[in-house]
Every structure is written in C-alpha cells, then in structure tokens.
Amino acid sequence: MPLEFKPKTQELDSSFFTIFPGLCKGCGLCIEKCPKKCIVWSNTLGVYGTPSVEADDDCIGCGICQNICPDCAINIEKKVKH
C-alpha cells in the first residue's frame, strides 16, 4: 500500500470528497460519526502508515466527517444543483 501525501478527491453524486492522507492519522472518527455509513478504510496510507479513508456514492455531503476530523484531513464540497 502506497504512502500518499497528495490530496485524493472523489467526485460523488452529491459532493466532492477530498482526503489529505498526509494529515490523516487513521483515528476512524469520521467512519464512526457518518450518518450514512458511507466512509470506509482505503488502500492509501496516512501519515502514520495507517489506512486513510474514502467515501462511496451514498455520501450526502453533510460535512459531519469534515467537522469531526481532529486533523482537518477531509474536505467536503457540496455540488451546486442547477
């Protein structure tokens, strides 16, 4: 599994989910607090060599993961509906 420090952005149905592996220590708070249970461990390693996370299309872009992350390793950008 590669140790990554550049941000990884996923385009999901409702939002853009960006993880910064270089900041993620793998605490799992985002997984625990996600109301849709759509955040899972990924194959990309974080800062301590622990897995970072990724989301799936069940993500509603609520931002709870971004707000709960103690290391500011997640950014959620909600898509604008036209």
Protein backbone atom coordinates (compact mmCIF):
# COMPACT_ATOMS: atom_id res chain seq x y z
CA MET A 1 0.00 0.00 0.00
CA PRO A 2 1.46 3.34 -1.03
CA LEU A 3 2.15 6.16 1.41
CA GLU A 4 0.49 9.20 -0.20
CA PHE A 5 0.72 12.85 0.72
CA LYS A 6 -1.14 14.49 -2.15
CA PRO A 7 -4.89 15.05 -1.76
CA LYS A 8 -7.25 12.49 -3.29
CA THR A 9 -10.61 13.83 -4.49
CA GLN A 10 -13.56 11.62 -5.31
CA GLU A 11 -16.45 13.01 -7.34
CA LEU A 12 -19.59 11.58 -5.77
CA ASP A 13 -23.25 12.09 -6.65
CA SER A 14 -23.83 14.94 -4.20
CA SER A 15 -20.35 16.26 -3.44
CA PHE A 16 -16.60 16.16 -3.89
CA PHE A 17 -14.92 14.22 -1.08
CA THR A 18 -11.24 15.09 -0.61
CA ILE A 19 -8.95 13.25 1.79
CA PHE A 20 -5.49 14.55 2.65
CA PRO A 21 -3.61 11.33 3.53
CA GLY A 22 -0.65 13.33 4.82
CA LEU A 23 -2.90 14.65 7.59
CA CYS A 24 -5.00 11.52 8.25
CA LYS A 25 -3.82 9.53 11.25
CA GLY A 26 -6.45 6.81 10.84
CA CYS A 27 -8.43 7.54 14.00
CA GLY A 28 -11.74 6.44 12.46
CA LEU A 29 -13.89 9.21 13.95
CA CYS A 30 -15.28 10.05 10.50
CA ILE A 31 -16.31 6.42 9.96
CA GLU A 32 -17.93 6.29 13.40
CA LYS A 33 -19.91 9.54 13.00
CA CYS A 34 -21.03 9.26 9.35
CA PRO A 35 -24.86 9.10 9.36
CA LYS A 36 -24.92 7.20 6.02
CA LYS A 37 -22.07 4.80 6.95
CA CYS A 38 -20.51 5.51 3.57
CA ILE A 39 -16.91 6.14 4.71
CA VAL A 40 -14.58 3.14 4.69
CA TRP A 41 -10.86 2.44 5.06
CA SER A 42 -8.91 2.80 1.81
CA ASN A 43 -5.71 1.27 0.46
CA THR A 44 -3.92 4.63 0.70
CA LEU A 45 -1.84 5.01 3.82
CA GLY A 46 -1.98 8.08 6.02
CA VAL A 47 0.68 9.94 7.92
CA TYR A 48 1.44 7.16 10.44
CA GLY A 49 1.27 4.34 7.91
CA THR A 50 -2.30 3.57 8.91
CA PRO A 51 -5.08 3.44 6.29
CA SER A 52 -6.78 6.67 5.32
CA VAL A 53 -10.45 6.74 4.24
CA GLU A 54 -12.65 7.08 1.19
CA ALA A 55 -16.39 7.53 0.62
CA ASP A 56 -18.96 5.97 -1.69
CA ASP A 57 -21.94 7.39 -3.60
CA ASP A 58 -24.21 7.05 -0.56
CA CYS A 59 -22.47 10.21 0.69
CA ILE A 60 -24.92 13.11 1.03
CA GLY A 61 -22.21 15.74 1.55
CA CYS A 62 -23.42 16.63 5.05
CA GLY A 63 -19.90 17.56 6.21
CA ILE A 64 -20.04 15.79 9.57
CA CYS A 65 -16.82 13.92 8.73
CA GLN A 66 -15.09 17.17 7.85
CA ASN A 67 -16.23 18.81 11.08
CA ILE A 68 -15.38 15.84 13.36
CA CYS A 69 -11.89 15.23 11.91
CA PRO A 70 -9.36 16.42 14.52
CA ASP A 71 -6.66 16.78 11.86
CA CYS A 72 -8.57 18.66 9.12
CA ALA A 73 -7.82 15.76 6.76
CA ILE A 74 -11.23 15.78 5.00
CA ASN A 75 -12.81 18.45 2.81
CA ILE A 76 -16.37 18.19 1.53
CA GLU A 77 -17.52 20.43 -1.30
CA LYS A 78 -21.24 20.07 -1.91
CA LYS A 79 -22.30 20.13 -5.57
CA VAL A 80 -24.50 23.02 -6.62
CA LYS A 81 -27.85 21.97 -8.02
CA HIS A 82 -28.81 23.84 -11.20
